[in-house]
Amino acid sequence: MARKPRIHFEGALYHVIVRGNNREFIFKDDNWKQKYLETIKRYKYKYGFKLYAYVLMDNHAHMLIEVNNAPLSKIMQCIQQVFTQTYNRKANRTGHVFEQRYKAILCEKDQYLLMLIRYIHQNPLRAGINNGLNYNWSSYIEYLDETKNDLCDVEFPLSLFKNRLDRFVEFMNEEETEIKKVSIREFSENIDEYKEINKDNGESTTYDLETIVARVCAVLNLEVDQISSKTRKREIANARQLIAFIASKNPEIKQKEIAERFNINQNSVSMMLSKENTWAKYEKEIAELMIY
């Protein structure tokens, strides 16, 4: 059966992490760091995504990407494949250059954008590199010197500091703030409170089932077609439970619709939702989703 494409969210913000296969130091040579940045730039121009931050370490890289019309899967497929082909050809080798699946964490832009930029820029500090924030292969320098800004989209983040570079630098030097993990109870209460606030403003705050499926799959690194597959794999069962829980917060999504999407009977969906005490183990995934 042909693989269904991932469902795309225009404007979605992803923290993307790529690693060398077997943690190999694929970027140890600065020439390869430069080549990877050139590859990113090539497909940024082609697909029109925004890049708010990046850092290239010797064996891995971080990027903060906001997608436009092209889905993240297409963007990353092009970047990774083209770089891999170039790397293997120059090194006269074959096989994987990167770990087979990059990690992509769906992020809530309004609340966490600046903290994620700081987290990425502080990567060299945590690694004990002497240059720290002034590390040559991060986007930090692009924020400070517009003459070196040819890849990173710095305008919006800097506008949050009213274009005051001193304030931006001060924030980047602050101690890293942990992104809070919410409990299931807090998550449910926050959803209801947020809906009430935005209901008064006439704004829609719920998502349809396909949107929820796609976002859960993005966080858990699954393909959307796996959700309806005939399998007893624990990772699929966990994803279905998480989707059902989030979907239950939208009164327009009925259990029958969820059952049909999962390709299971409605009683199974009811059983998923009745096991409310099991949701605690999904705190990390729910915190990453920030779906409402």
C-alpha atoms as a PDB file:
ATOM      1  CA  MET A   1       0.000   0.000   0.000  1.00  0.00           C
ATOM      2  CA  ALA A   2       1.317   3.434  -0.929  1.00  0.00           C
ATOM      3  CA  ARG A   3       2.327   5.664   1.965  1.00  0.00           C
ATOM      4  CA  LYS A   4      -0.006   8.564   2.620  1.00  0.00           C
ATOM      5  CA  PRO A   5       1.646  11.997   2.792  1.00  0.00           C
ATOM      6  CA  ARG A   6       1.954  13.789   6.116  1.00  0.00           C
ATOM      7  CA  ILE A   7      -0.742  16.375   6.730  1.00  0.00           C
ATOM      8  CA  HIS A   8       0.733  19.868   6.581  1.00  0.00           C
ATOM      9  CA  PHE A   9       0.162  22.863   8.864  1.00  0.00           C
ATOM     10  CA  GLU A  10       1.040  26.200   7.352  1.00  0.00           C
ATOM     11  CA  GLY A  11       2.752  28.304   9.992  1.00  0.00           C
ATOM     12  CA  ALA A  12       3.716  25.367  12.229  1.00  0.00           C
ATOM     13  CA  LEU A  13       6.942  25.883  14.179  1.00  0.00           C
ATOM     14  CA  TYR A  14       9.334  22.953  14.583  1.00  0.00           C
ATOM     15  CA  HIS A  15      12.484  22.441  16.593  1.00  0.00           C
ATOM     16  CA  VAL A  16      14.398  20.103  14.293  1.00  0.00           C
ATOM     17  CA  ILE A  17      17.380  18.031  15.422  1.00  0.00           C
ATOM     18  CA  VAL A  18      19.552  16.001  13.046  1.00  0.00           C
ATOM     19  CA  ARG A  19      22.390  13.721  14.128  1.00  0.00           C
ATOM     20  CA  GLY A  20      25.191  11.911  12.389  1.00  0.00           C
ATOM     21  CA  ASN A  21      24.622   8.200  11.959  1.00  0.00           C
ATOM     22  CA  ASN A  22      25.971   6.387  15.031  1.00  0.00           C
ATOM     23  CA  ARG A  23      26.732   9.877  16.423  1.00  0.00           C
ATOM     24  CA  GLU A  24      29.534  10.279  13.868  1.00  0.00           C
ATOM     25  CA  PHE A  25      31.225  13.682  13.599  1.00  0.00           C
ATOM     26  CA  ILE A  26      29.883  14.477  10.150  1.00  0.00           C
ATOM     27  CA  PHE A  27      30.312  18.247  10.658  1.00  0.00           C
ATOM     28  CA  LYS A  28      33.767  18.157  12.258  1.00  0.00           C
ATOM     29  CA  ASP A  29      35.308  19.725   9.158  1.00  0.00           C
ATOM     30  CA  ASP A  30      34.098  23.321   8.792  1.00  0.00           C
ATOM     31  CA  ASN A  31      33.744  22.785   5.057  1.00  0.00           C
ATOM     32  CA  TRP A  32      30.916  20.352   5.760  1.00  0.00           C
ATOM     33  CA  LYS A  33      29.241  22.814   8.103  1.00  0.00           C
ATOM     34  CA  GLN A  34      29.361  25.378   5.313  1.00  0.00           C
ATOM     35  CA  LYS A  35      28.009  22.875   2.796  1.00  0.00           C
ATOM     36  CA  TYR A  36      25.082  22.009   5.081  1.00  0.00           C
ATOM     37  CA  LEU A  37      24.208  25.690   5.520  1.00  0.00           C
ATOM     38  CA  GLU A  38      24.362  26.175   1.757  1.00  0.00           C
ATOM     39  CA  THR A  39      21.973  23.244   1.330  1.00  0.00           C
ATOM     40  CA  ILE A  40      19.562  24.732   3.864  1.00  0.00           C
ATOM     41  CA  LYS A  41      19.745  28.074   2.070  1.00  0.00           C
ATOM     42  CA  ARG A  42      19.045  26.433  -1.283  1.00  0.00           C
ATOM     43  CA  TYR A  43      15.809  24.846  -0.085  1.00  0.00           C
ATOM     44  CA  LYS A  44      14.816  27.805   2.041  1.00  0.00           C
ATOM     45  CA  TYR A  45      14.805  29.835  -1.160  1.00  0.00           C
ATOM     46  CA  LYS A  46      12.880  27.103  -2.977  1.00  0.00           C
ATOM     47  CA  TYR A  47      10.218  26.382  -0.347  1.00  0.00           C
ATOM     48  CA  GLY A  48       9.943  29.700   1.468  1.00  0.00           C
ATOM     49  CA  PHE A  49      10.153  28.453   5.051  1.00  0.00           C
ATOM     50  CA  LYS A  50      11.380  30.661   7.891  1.00  0.00           C
ATOM     51  CA  LEU A  51      14.519  29.805   9.856  1.00  0.00           C
ATOM     52  CA  TYR A  52      14.626  31.549  13.231  1.00  0.00           C
ATOM     53  CA  ALA A  53      17.734  29.869  14.652  1.00  0.00           C
ATOM     54  CA  TYR A  54      20.322  27.208  13.930  1.00  0.00           C
ATOM     55  CA  VAL A  55      23.527  25.761  15.316  1.00  0.00           C
ATOM     56  CA  LEU A  56      25.841  23.198  13.748  1.00  0.00           C
ATOM     57  CA  MET A  57      27.883  21.142  16.181  1.00  0.00           C
ATOM     58  CA  ASP A  58      30.362  18.462  15.090  1.00  0.00           C
ATOM     59  CA  ASN A  59      27.926  15.539  15.219  1.00  0.00           C
ATOM     60  CA  HIS A  60      24.483  17.160  15.219  1.00  0.00           C
ATOM     61  CA  ALA A  61      22.559  20.288  14.333  1.00  0.00           C
ATOM     62  CA  HIS A  62      19.540  22.210  15.634  1.00  0.00           C
ATOM     63  CA  MET A  63      17.158  24.300  13.549  1.00  0.00           C
ATOM     64  CA  LEU A  64      14.022  26.259  14.394  1.00  0.00           C
ATOM     65  CA  ILE A  65      11.817  26.170  11.299  1.00  0.00           C
ATOM     66  CA  GLU A  66       8.416  27.678  10.561  1.00  0.00           C
ATOM     67  CA  VAL A  67       6.893  26.034   7.511  1.00  0.00           C
ATOM     68  CA  ASN A  68       4.921  27.775   4.805  1.00  0.00           C
ATOM     69  CA  ASN A  69       3.256  25.934   1.922  1.00  0.00           C
ATOM     70  CA  ALA A  70       5.749  23.066   1.765  1.00  0.00           C
ATOM     71  CA  PRO A  71       5.535  20.497   4.591  1.00  0.00           C
ATOM     72  CA  LEU A  72       8.511  19.924   6.861  1.00  0.00           C
ATOM     73  CA  SER A  73       8.887  16.350   5.612  1.00  0.00           C
ATOM     74  CA  LYS A  74       9.509  17.593   2.057  1.00  0.00           C
ATOM     75  CA  ILE A  75      11.949  20.273   3.222  1.00  0.00           C
ATOM     76  CA  MET A  76      13.985  17.887   5.354  1.00  0.00           C
ATOM     77  CA  GLN A  77      13.939  15.137   2.737  1.00  0.00           C
ATOM     78  CA  CYS A  78      15.550  17.486   0.230  1.00  0.00           C
ATOM     79  CA  ILE A  79      18.123  18.905   2.650  1.00  0.00           C
ATOM     80  CA  GLN A  80      19.170  15.528   4.034  1.00  0.00           C
ATOM     81  CA  GLN A  81      19.246  13.664   0.727  1.00  0.00           C
ATOM     82  CA  VAL A  82      21.198  16.300  -1.176  1.00  0.00           C
ATOM     83  CA  PHE A  83      23.749  16.719   1.608  1.00  0.00           C
ATOM     84  CA  THR A  84      24.098  12.932   1.962  1.00  0.00           C
ATOM     85  CA  GLN A  85      24.730  12.496  -1.765  1.00  0.00           C
ATOM     86  CA  THR A  86      27.372  15.229  -1.745  1.00  0.00           C
ATOM     87  CA  TYR A  87      29.022  13.898   1.417  1.00  0.00           C
ATOM     88  CA  ASN A  88      29.194  10.319   0.143  1.00  0.00           C
ATOM     89  CA  ARG A  89      30.480  11.354  -3.269  1.00  0.00           C
ATOM     90  CA  LYS A  90      33.253  13.545  -1.848  1.00  0.00           C
ATOM     91  CA  ALA A  91      34.228  10.974   0.795  1.00  0.00           C
ATOM     92  CA  ASN A  92      34.013   8.090  -1.688  1.00  0.00           C
ATOM     93  CA  ARG A  93      31.679   6.171   0.600  1.00  0.00           C
ATOM     94  CA  THR A  94      28.106   4.807   0.674  1.00  0.00           C
ATOM     95  CA  GLY A  95      25.387   4.382   3.276  1.00  0.00           C
ATOM     96  CA  HIS A  96      23.658   6.593   5.807  1.00  0.00           C
ATOM     97  CA  VAL A  97      25.194   9.890   6.838  1.00  0.00           C
ATOM     98  CA  PHE A  98      22.407  10.871   9.264  1.00  0.00           C
ATOM     99  CA  GLU A  99      20.305   8.896  11.674  1.00  0.00           C
ATOM    100  CA  GLN A 100      17.405   7.671   9.593  1.00  0.00           C
ATOM    101  CA  ARG A 101      14.769   9.856  11.233  1.00  0.00           C
ATOM    102  CA  TYR A 102      15.348  13.450  12.222  1.00  0.00           C
ATOM    103  CA  LYS A 103      13.585  14.636  15.361  1.00  0.00           C
ATOM    104  CA  ALA A 104      10.948  17.340  14.900  1.00  0.00           C
ATOM    105  CA  ILE A 105       9.173  18.797  17.927  1.00  0.00           C
ATOM    106  CA  LEU A 106       6.080  20.858  17.228  1.00  0.00           C
ATOM    107  CA  CYS A 107       6.311  24.055  19.303  1.00  0.00           C
ATOM    108  CA  GLU A 108       3.941  26.781  20.459  1.00  0.00           C
ATOM    109  CA  LYS A 109       5.321  29.898  18.809  1.00  0.00           C
ATOM    110  CA  ASP A 110       3.934  32.691  20.978  1.00  0.00           C
ATOM    111  CA  GLN A 111       5.096  31.208  24.258  1.00  0.00           C
ATOM    112  CA  TYR A 112       8.330  29.427  23.391  1.00  0.00           C
ATOM    113  CA  LEU A 113       9.886  31.031  20.301  1.00  0.00           C
ATOM    114  CA  LEU A 114      12.439  33.147  22.165  1.00  0.00           C
ATOM    115  CA  MET A 115      13.292  30.417  24.675  1.00  0.00           C
ATOM    116  CA  LEU A 116      13.947  27.984  21.829  1.00  0.00           C
ATOM    117  CA  ILE A 117      16.176  30.492  20.037  1.00  0.00           C
ATOM    118  CA  ARG A 118      18.141  30.909  23.261  1.00  0.00           C
ATOM    119  CA  TYR A 119      18.306  27.144  23.810  1.00  0.00           C
ATOM    120  CA  ILE A 120      19.751  26.652  20.320  1.00  0.00           C
ATOM    121  CA  HIS A 121      22.232  29.527  20.631  1.00  0.00           C
ATOM    122  CA  GLN A 122      23.436  28.273  24.019  1.00  0.00           C
ATOM    123  CA  ASN A 123      24.277  24.825  22.650  1.00  0.00           C
ATOM    124  CA  PRO A 124      28.002  25.667  22.274  1.00  0.00           C
ATOM    125  CA  LEU A 125      28.027  26.985  25.857  1.00  0.00           C
ATOM    126  CA  ARG A 126      26.663  23.713  27.181  1.00  0.00           C
ATOM    127  CA  ALA A 127      29.285  21.874  25.133  1.00  0.00           C
ATOM    128  CA  GLY A 128      32.071  23.913  26.754  1.00  0.00           C
ATOM    129  CA  ILE A 129      33.201  25.601  23.540  1.00  0.00           C
ATOM    130  CA  ASN A 130      35.359  28.653  24.251  1.00  0.00           C
ATOM    131  CA  ASN A 131      33.560  31.030  21.903  1.00  0.00           C
ATOM    132  CA  GLY A 132      30.255  30.262  23.606  1.00  0.00           C
ATOM    133  CA  LEU A 133      27.481  32.388  22.136  1.00  0.00           C
ATOM    134  CA  ASN A 134      29.906  33.780  19.563  1.00  0.00           C
ATOM    135  CA  TYR A 135      30.390  30.327  18.083  1.00  0.00           C
ATOM    136  CA  ASN A 136      31.037  30.627  14.351  1.00  0.00           C
ATOM    137  CA  TRP A 137      28.400  28.130  13.267  1.00  0.00           C
ATOM    138  CA  SER A 138      25.259  29.430  14.918  1.00  0.00           C
ATOM    139  CA  SER A 139      22.738  32.067  13.898  1.00  0.00           C
ATOM    140  CA  TYR A 140      23.531  34.234  16.926  1.00  0.00           C
ATOM    141  CA  ILE A 141      25.977  36.332  14.912  1.00  0.00           C
ATOM    142  CA  GLU A 142      23.288  36.936  12.281  1.00  0.00           C
ATOM    143  CA  TYR A 143      21.161  38.654  14.920  1.00  0.00           C
ATOM    144  CA  LEU A 144      24.017  40.932  15.918  1.00  0.00           C
ATOM    145  CA  ASP A 145      25.478  41.827  12.516  1.00  0.00           C
ATOM    146  CA  GLU A 146      23.121  42.469   9.619  1.00  0.00           C
ATOM    147  CA  THR A 147      26.014  42.244   7.159  1.00  0.00           C
ATOM    148  CA  LYS A 148      26.303  38.547   8.065  1.00  0.00           C
ATOM    149  CA  ASN A 149      22.574  37.897   7.937  1.00  0.00           C
ATOM    150  CA  ASP A 150      21.852  35.917   4.780  1.00  0.00           C
ATOM    151  CA  LEU A 151      20.069  32.843   6.123  1.00  0.00           C
ATOM    152  CA  CYS A 152      18.244  33.477   9.390  1.00  0.00           C
ATOM    153  CA  ASP A 153      14.912  35.321   9.698  1.00  0.00           C
ATOM    154  CA  VAL A 154      15.763  37.687  12.534  1.00  0.00           C
ATOM    155  CA  GLU A 155      13.185  40.440  12.007  1.00  0.00           C
ATOM    156  CA  PHE A 156      10.270  39.040  14.001  1.00  0.00           C
ATOM    157  CA  PRO A 157      12.280  37.804  17.027  1.00  0.00           C
ATOM    158  CA  LEU A 158      14.140  41.125  17.239  1.00  0.00           C
ATOM    159  CA  SER A 159      10.869  43.041  16.998  1.00  0.00           C
ATOM    160  CA  LEU A 160       9.842  41.379  20.269  1.00  0.00           C
ATOM    161  CA  PHE A 161      12.718  43.318  21.851  1.00  0.00           C
ATOM    162  CA  LYS A 162      11.645  46.464  19.961  1.00  0.00           C
ATOM    163  CA  ASN A 163      14.805  45.974  17.869  1.00  0.00           C
ATOM    164  CA  ARG A 164      16.985  46.691  20.879  1.00  0.00           C
ATOM    165  CA  LEU A 165      20.053  44.487  20.405  1.00  0.00           C
ATOM    166  CA  ASP A 166      21.183  45.068  23.974  1.00  0.00           C
ATOM    167  CA  ARG A 167      17.949  43.545  25.251  1.00  0.00           C
ATOM    168  CA  PHE A 168      18.267  40.623  22.866  1.00  0.00           C
ATOM    169  CA  VAL A 169      21.864  39.966  23.993  1.00  0.00           C
ATOM    170  CA  GLU A 170      20.845  40.204  27.649  1.00  0.00           C
ATOM    171  CA  PHE A 171      18.091  37.622  27.089  1.00  0.00           C
ATOM    172  CA  MET A 172      20.419  35.287  25.193  1.00  0.00           C
ATOM    173  CA  ASN A 173      22.844  35.379  28.132  1.00  0.00           C
ATOM    174  CA  GLU A 174      20.199  34.584  30.732  1.00  0.00           C
ATOM    175  CA  GLU A 175      20.085  31.151  32.310  1.00  0.00           C
ATOM    176  CA  GLU A 176      18.135  28.688  30.263  1.00  0.00           C
ATOM    177  CA  THR A 177      14.483  28.323  31.281  1.00  0.00           C
ATOM    178  CA  GLU A 178      12.962  24.875  31.348  1.00  0.00           C
ATOM    179  CA  ILE A 179       9.823  24.490  29.272  1.00  0.00           C
ATOM    180  CA  LYS A 180       7.172  23.475  31.759  1.00  0.00           C
ATOM    181  CA  LYS A 181       5.492  20.116  31.422  1.00  0.00           C
ATOM    182  CA  VAL A 182       1.791  20.405  32.222  1.00  0.00           C
ATOM    183  CA  SER A 183      -0.178  17.772  34.094  1.00  0.00           C
ATOM    184  CA  ILE A 184      -3.239  16.198  32.498  1.00  0.00           C
ATOM    185  CA  ARG A 185      -5.542  18.092  34.845  1.00  0.00           C
ATOM    186  CA  GLU A 186      -3.815  21.415  34.116  1.00  0.00           C
ATOM    187  CA  PHE A 187      -3.903  20.634  30.398  1.00  0.00           C
ATOM    188  CA  SER A 188      -7.660  20.004  30.469  1.00  0.00           C
ATOM    189  CA  GLU A 189      -8.381  23.084  32.566  1.00  0.00           C
ATOM    190  CA  ASN A 190      -6.218  25.278  30.357  1.00  0.00           C
ATOM    191  CA  ILE A 191      -8.003  24.059  27.247  1.00  0.00           C
ATOM    192  CA  ASP A 192     -11.402  24.943  28.725  1.00  0.00           C
ATOM    193  CA  GLU A 193     -10.196  28.348  29.975  1.00  0.00           C
ATOM    194  CA  TYR A 194      -8.569  29.187  26.645  1.00  0.00           C
ATOM    195  CA  LYS A 195     -11.740  28.269  24.783  1.00  0.00           C
ATOM    196  CA  GLU A 196     -13.866  30.520  26.971  1.00  0.00           C
ATOM    197  CA  ILE A 197     -11.521  33.492  26.516  1.00  0.00           C
ATOM    198  CA  ASN A 198     -11.360  33.126  22.757  1.00  0.00           C
ATOM    199  CA  LYS A 199     -15.061  32.338  22.449  1.00  0.00           C
ATOM    200  CA  ASP A 200     -15.731  35.882  23.640  1.00  0.00           C
ATOM    201  CA  ASN A 201     -13.357  37.151  20.955  1.00  0.00           C
ATOM    202  CA  GLY A 202     -15.118  35.155  18.261  1.00  0.00           C
ATOM    203  CA  GLU A 203     -12.012  33.048  17.598  1.00  0.00           C
ATOM    204  CA  SER A 204     -11.970  29.337  16.792  1.00  0.00           C
ATOM    205  CA  THR A 205      -9.773  27.325  19.170  1.00  0.00           C
ATOM    206  CA  THR A 206     -10.532  23.714  18.240  1.00  0.00           C
ATOM    207  CA  TYR A 207      -9.052  21.468  15.597  1.00  0.00           C
ATOM    208  CA  ASP A 208     -10.654  18.770  13.485  1.00  0.00           C
ATOM    209  CA  LEU A 209      -9.676  15.145  13.880  1.00  0.00           C
ATOM    210  CA  GLU A 210      -7.255  15.058  10.945  1.00  0.00           C
ATOM    211  CA  THR A 211      -5.380  18.043  12.337  1.00  0.00           C
ATOM    212  CA  ILE A 212      -5.055  16.341  15.729  1.00  0.00           C
ATOM    213  CA  VAL A 213      -3.898  13.085  14.104  1.00  0.00           C
ATOM    214  CA  ALA A 214      -1.247  14.903  12.108  1.00  0.00           C
ATOM    215  CA  ARG A 215       0.107  16.870  15.060  1.00  0.00           C
ATOM    216  CA  VAL A 216       0.287  13.846  17.337  1.00  0.00           C
ATOM    217  CA  CYS A 217       2.076  11.895  14.606  1.00  0.00           C
ATOM    218  CA  ALA A 218       4.531  14.759  14.119  1.00  0.00           C
ATOM    219  CA  VAL A 219       5.431  14.770  17.821  1.00  0.00           C
ATOM    220  CA  LEU A 220       5.674  10.989  18.109  1.00  0.00           C
ATOM    221  CA  ASN A 221       7.552  10.578  14.788  1.00  0.00           C
ATOM    222  CA  LEU A 222       4.867   8.405  13.207  1.00  0.00           C
ATOM    223  CA  GLU A 223       3.284   8.400   9.762  1.00  0.00           C
ATOM    224  CA  VAL A 224      -0.415   9.311   9.711  1.00  0.00           C
ATOM    225  CA  ASP A 225      -1.375   6.101   7.895  1.00  0.00           C
ATOM    226  CA  GLN A 226      -0.042   4.040  10.805  1.00  0.00           C
ATOM    227  CA  ILE A 227      -2.902   5.259  13.003  1.00  0.00           C
ATOM    228  CA  SER A 228      -5.448   3.219  11.044  1.00  0.00           C
ATOM    229  CA  SER A 229      -3.224   0.202  10.453  1.00  0.00           C
ATOM    230  CA  LYS A 230      -4.050  -3.245  11.837  1.00  0.00           C
ATOM    231  CA  THR A 231      -1.368  -3.557  14.477  1.00  0.00           C
ATOM    232  CA  ARG A 232      -0.887  -4.114  18.190  1.00  0.00           C
ATOM    233  CA  LYS A 233       2.315  -2.128  18.450  1.00  0.00           C
ATOM    234  CA  ARG A 234       2.456  -0.232  21.729  1.00  0.00           C
ATOM    235  CA  GLU A 235       3.594   3.015  20.077  1.00  0.00           C
ATOM    236  CA  ILE A 236       0.506   3.021  17.822  1.00  0.00           C
ATOM    237  CA  ALA A 237      -1.813   2.218  20.727  1.00  0.00           C
ATOM    238  CA  ASN A 238      -0.282   5.081  22.729  1.00  0.00           C
ATOM    239  CA  ALA A 239      -0.712   7.490  19.827  1.00  0.00           C
ATOM    240  CA  ARG A 240      -4.364   6.490  19.393  1.00  0.00           C
ATOM    241  CA  GLN A 241      -5.052   7.038  23.079  1.00  0.00           C
ATOM    242  CA  LEU A 242      -3.457  10.474  22.956  1.00  0.00           C
ATOM    243  CA  ILE A 243      -5.410  11.430  19.823  1.00  0.00           C
ATOM    244  CA  ALA A 244      -8.670  10.207  21.359  1.00  0.00           C
ATOM    245  CA  PHE A 245      -8.035  12.175  24.554  1.00  0.00           C
ATOM    246  CA  ILE A 246      -7.326  15.436  22.722  1.00  0.00           C
ATOM    247  CA  ALA A 247     -10.186  14.891  20.253  1.00  0.00           C
ATOM    248  CA  SER A 248     -12.610  14.369  23.154  1.00  0.00           C
ATOM    249  CA  LYS A 249     -12.068  18.035  24.069  1.00  0.00           C
ATOM    250  CA  ASN A 250     -13.798  19.031  20.827  1.00  0.00           C
ATOM    251  CA  PRO A 251     -17.555  18.356  21.255  1.00  0.00           C
ATOM    252  CA  GLU A 252     -17.974  18.219  17.477  1.00  0.00           C
ATOM    253  CA  ILE A 253     -15.771  15.116  17.214  1.00  0.00           C
ATOM    254  CA  LYS A 254     -17.806  12.015  18.062  1.00  0.00           C
ATOM    255  CA  GLN A 255     -16.458   8.672  19.212  1.00  0.00           C
ATOM    256  CA  LYS A 256     -17.847   7.093  16.047  1.00  0.00           C
ATOM    257  CA  GLU A 257     -15.634   9.388  13.906  1.00  0.00           C
ATOM    258  CA  ILE A 258     -12.585   8.520  15.996  1.00  0.00           C
ATOM    259  CA  ALA A 259     -13.333   4.793  15.706  1.00  0.00           C
ATOM    260  CA  GLU A 260     -13.662   5.023  11.923  1.00  0.00           C
ATOM    261  CA  ARG A 261     -10.371   6.957  11.689  1.00  0.00           C
ATOM    262  CA  PHE A 262      -8.575   4.342  13.799  1.00  0.00           C
ATOM    263  CA  ASN A 263     -10.240   1.474  11.924  1.00  0.00           C
ATOM    264  CA  ILE A 264     -11.460  -0.027  15.220  1.00  0.00           C
ATOM    265  CA  ASN A 265     -14.859  -0.411  16.901  1.00  0.00           C
ATOM    266  CA  GLN A 266     -16.459   2.336  18.950  1.00  0.00           C
ATOM    267  CA  ASN A 267     -16.283   0.336  22.191  1.00  0.00           C
ATOM    268  CA  SER A 268     -12.492   0.373  21.946  1.00  0.00           C
ATOM    269  CA  VAL A 269     -12.521   4.166  21.794  1.00  0.00           C
ATOM    270  CA  SER A 270     -14.792   4.311  24.849  1.00  0.00           C
ATOM    271  CA  MET A 271     -12.362   2.090  26.738  1.00  0.00           C
ATOM    272  CA  MET A 272      -9.453   4.387  25.807  1.00  0.00           C
ATOM    273  CA  LEU A 273     -11.248   7.411  27.192  1.00  0.00           C
ATOM    274  CA  SER A 274     -12.346   5.629  30.365  1.00  0.00           C
ATOM    275  CA  LYS A 275      -8.725   4.981  31.405  1.00  0.00           C
ATOM    276  CA  GLU A 276      -8.185   8.566  32.505  1.00  0.00           C
ATOM    277  CA  ASN A 277      -5.619   7.602  35.138  1.00  0.00           C
ATOM    278  CA  THR A 278      -3.248   6.426  32.394  1.00  0.00           C
ATOM    279  CA  TRP A 279      -2.838   9.875  30.823  1.00  0.00           C
ATOM    280  CA  ALA A 280      -0.068  10.931  33.215  1.00  0.00           C
ATOM    281  CA  LYS A 281       2.502   9.041  31.156  1.00  0.00           C
ATOM    282  CA  TYR A 282       1.764  11.314  28.195  1.00  0.00           C
ATOM    283  CA  GLU A 283       2.670  14.579  29.940  1.00  0.00           C
ATOM    284  CA  LYS A 284       5.771  15.096  27.790  1.00  0.00           C
ATOM    285  CA  GLU A 285       3.902  14.493  24.529  1.00  0.00           C
ATOM    286  CA  ILE A 286       1.052  16.804  25.539  1.00  0.00           C
ATOM    287  CA  ALA A 287       3.486  19.541  26.544  1.00  0.00           C
ATOM    288  CA  GLU A 288       5.194  19.224  23.157  1.00  0.00           C
ATOM    289  CA  LEU A 289       1.919  19.323  21.240  1.00  0.00           C
ATOM    290  CA  MET A 290       0.558  22.598  22.674  1.00  0.00           C
ATOM    291  CA  ILE A 291      -2.292  21.940  20.293  1.00  0.00           C
ATOM    292  CA  TYR A 292      -4.990  24.261  21.615  1.00  0.00           C
END
